[in-house]
Each structure stands twice: as C-alpha cells, then as structure tokens.
C-alpha atoms as a PDB file:
ATOM      1  CA  PRO A   1     -24.787   3.610 -40.164  1.00  0.00           C
ATOM      2  CA  ASP A   2     -24.277  -0.098 -38.930  1.00  0.00           C
ATOM      3  CA  CYS A   3     -21.093   0.842 -36.576  1.00  0.00           C
ATOM      4  CA  LEU A   4     -20.940  -1.588 -33.535  1.00  0.00           C
ATOM      5  CA  CYS A   5     -18.741   1.100 -32.028  1.00  0.00           C
ATOM      6  CA  PRO A   6     -19.697   1.021 -28.167  1.00  0.00           C
ATOM      7  CA  VAL A   7     -21.406   4.268 -27.681  1.00  0.00           C
ATOM      8  CA  PRO A   8     -20.463   6.526 -24.371  1.00  0.00           C
ATOM      9  CA  SER A   9     -23.313   6.822 -21.481  1.00  0.00           C
ATOM     10  CA  SER A  10     -24.291   9.771 -21.249  1.00  0.00           C
ATOM     11  CA  SER A  11     -24.875   9.633 -17.138  1.00  0.00           C
ATOM     12  CA  GLY A  12     -20.901   9.914 -16.762  1.00  0.00           C
ATOM     13  CA  GLU A  13     -20.962   7.478 -14.361  1.00  0.00           C
ATOM     14  CA  SER A  14     -17.754   6.583 -13.260  1.00  0.00           C
ATOM     15  CA  LYS A  15     -16.243   2.600 -12.457  1.00  0.00           C
ATOM     16  CA  MET A  16     -15.741   3.219  -8.957  1.00  0.00           C
ATOM     17  CA  SER A  17     -19.612   4.127  -8.872  1.00  0.00           C
ATOM     18  CA  ASP A  18     -20.561   0.707 -10.701  1.00  0.00           C
ATOM     19  CA  MET A  19     -18.633  -1.086  -7.727  1.00  0.00           C
ATOM     20  CA  GLY A  20     -20.443  -2.212  -4.896  1.00  0.00           C
ATOM     21  CA  LEU A  21     -19.698  -1.901  -1.119  1.00  0.00           C
ATOM     22  CA  GLU A  22     -17.990  -4.965  -0.838  1.00  0.00           C
ATOM     23  CA  GLN A  23     -15.736  -4.827  -3.923  1.00  0.00           C
ATOM     24  CA  ARG A  24     -14.348  -1.210  -2.459  1.00  0.00           C
ATOM     25  CA  ALA A  25     -13.947  -2.706   0.721  1.00  0.00           C
ATOM     26  CA  ALA A  26     -12.046  -5.527  -0.520  1.00  0.00           C
ATOM     27  CA  LEU A  27      -9.711  -2.920  -2.943  1.00  0.00           C
ATOM     28  CA  VAL A  28      -9.259  -0.893  -0.057  1.00  0.00           C
ATOM     29  CA  LEU A  29      -7.821  -3.881   2.078  1.00  0.00           C
ATOM     30  CA  VAL A  30      -5.648  -5.316  -0.845  1.00  0.00           C
ATOM     31  CA  LEU A  31      -4.137  -1.652  -1.404  1.00  0.00           C
ATOM     32  CA  VAL A  32      -3.802  -1.275   2.106  1.00  0.00           C
ATOM     33  CA  LEU A  33      -1.825  -5.156   2.201  1.00  0.00           C
ATOM     34  CA  VAL A  34       0.302  -3.645  -0.106  1.00  0.00           C
ATOM     35  CA  LEU A  35       1.616  -0.862   1.055  1.00  0.00           C
ATOM     36  CA  VAL A  36       2.252  -2.763   4.164  1.00  0.00           C
ATOM     37  CA  LEU A  37       4.360  -5.589   2.118  1.00  0.00           C
ATOM     38  CA  ALA A  38       6.209  -3.063   0.325  1.00  0.00           C
ATOM     39  CA  LEU A  39       7.282  -1.091   3.738  1.00  0.00           C
ATOM     40  CA  LEU A  40       8.518  -4.499   4.869  1.00  0.00           C
ATOM     41  CA  ILE A  41      10.379  -5.326   1.689  1.00  0.00           C
ATOM     42  CA  VAL A  42      12.259  -1.620   1.916  1.00  0.00           C
ATOM     43  CA  ARG A  43      13.009  -2.232   5.570  1.00  0.00           C
ATOM     44  CA  CYS A  44      14.546  -5.931   4.899  1.00  0.00           C
ATOM     45  CA  PHE A  45      16.595  -4.550   2.279  1.00  0.00           C
ATOM     46  CA  ARG A  46      17.932  -1.240   4.538  1.00  0.00           C
ATOM     47  CA  ILE A  47      19.163  -4.657   7.067  1.00  0.00           C
ATOM     48  CA  LEU A  48      20.446  -6.239   4.386  1.00  0.00           C
ATOM     49  CA  LEU A  49      22.260  -3.168   3.288  1.00  0.00           C
ATOM     50  CA  ASP A  50      23.858  -1.895   6.222  1.00  0.00           C
ATOM     51  CA  PRO A  51      23.132  -4.477   8.934  1.00  0.00           C
ATOM     52  CA  PHE A  52      25.310  -3.120  11.744  1.00  0.00           C
ATOM     53  CA  ARG A  53      23.580   0.637  11.605  1.00  0.00           C
ATOM     54  CA  SER A  54      20.245  -0.882  11.915  1.00  0.00           C
ATOM     55  CA  TRP A  55      21.691  -2.914  15.336  1.00  0.00           C
ATOM     56  CA  THR A  56      23.243   0.482  16.621  1.00  0.00           C
ATOM     57  CA  ASP A  57      19.912   2.003  15.531  1.00  0.00           C
ATOM     58  CA  HIS A  58      18.033  -0.396  17.853  1.00  0.00           C
ATOM     59  CA  MET A  59      20.809  -0.131  20.835  1.00  0.00           C
ATOM     60  CA  GLU A  60      20.711   3.465  21.064  1.00  0.00           C
ATOM     61  CA  HIS A  61      16.909   3.450  21.182  1.00  0.00           C
ATOM     62  CA  SER A  62      16.316   0.716  24.123  1.00  0.00           C
ATOM     63  CA  LEU A  63      19.445   3.158  26.330  1.00  0.00           C
ATOM     64  CA  ASP A  64      17.077   5.488  25.633  1.00  0.00           C
ATOM     65  CA  TYR A  65      14.339   3.770  27.234  1.00  0.00           C
ATOM     66  CA  ARG A  66      16.419   2.456  30.204  1.00  0.00           C
ATOM     67  CA  VAL A  67      18.120   5.809  30.944  1.00  0.00           C
ATOM     68  CA  SER A  68      14.423   7.844  31.210  1.00  0.00           C
END
C-alpha cells in the first residue's frame, strides 16, 4: 500500500546514541544547573518561611567551631 507512515528502524538505536559527545555534555551540564537552581530555590523559600530558625542554625554551627 501507499502508506506514508514512518517505518521503525530495525537497528533499535535510541535517541541518546544519535547524539554527539558535545550534545550529551551540554545536556548533562543543563541538568546539573537545573538541579542546583532547584536546590537554591528550595533553600531561599525555607529562609523566607522561617528566617529565625535559619539564623539560629547558623549561630549554632558557628559556636560549634569556636568551641573546638
């Protein structure tokens, strides 16, 4: 039949194997940056929601270093 449907390749290669080394490195870098950004956003929201607790936590850690 005259079907214009795409025929799946028999080799079964994934999309990751089609990517070059530079593209994979860029993808990994972007994922790491997104993870760091998410962690910073969570930390900022924790400080905004409970600023006194974050200050006392900081003071306890600094006192621990002075004692030892």
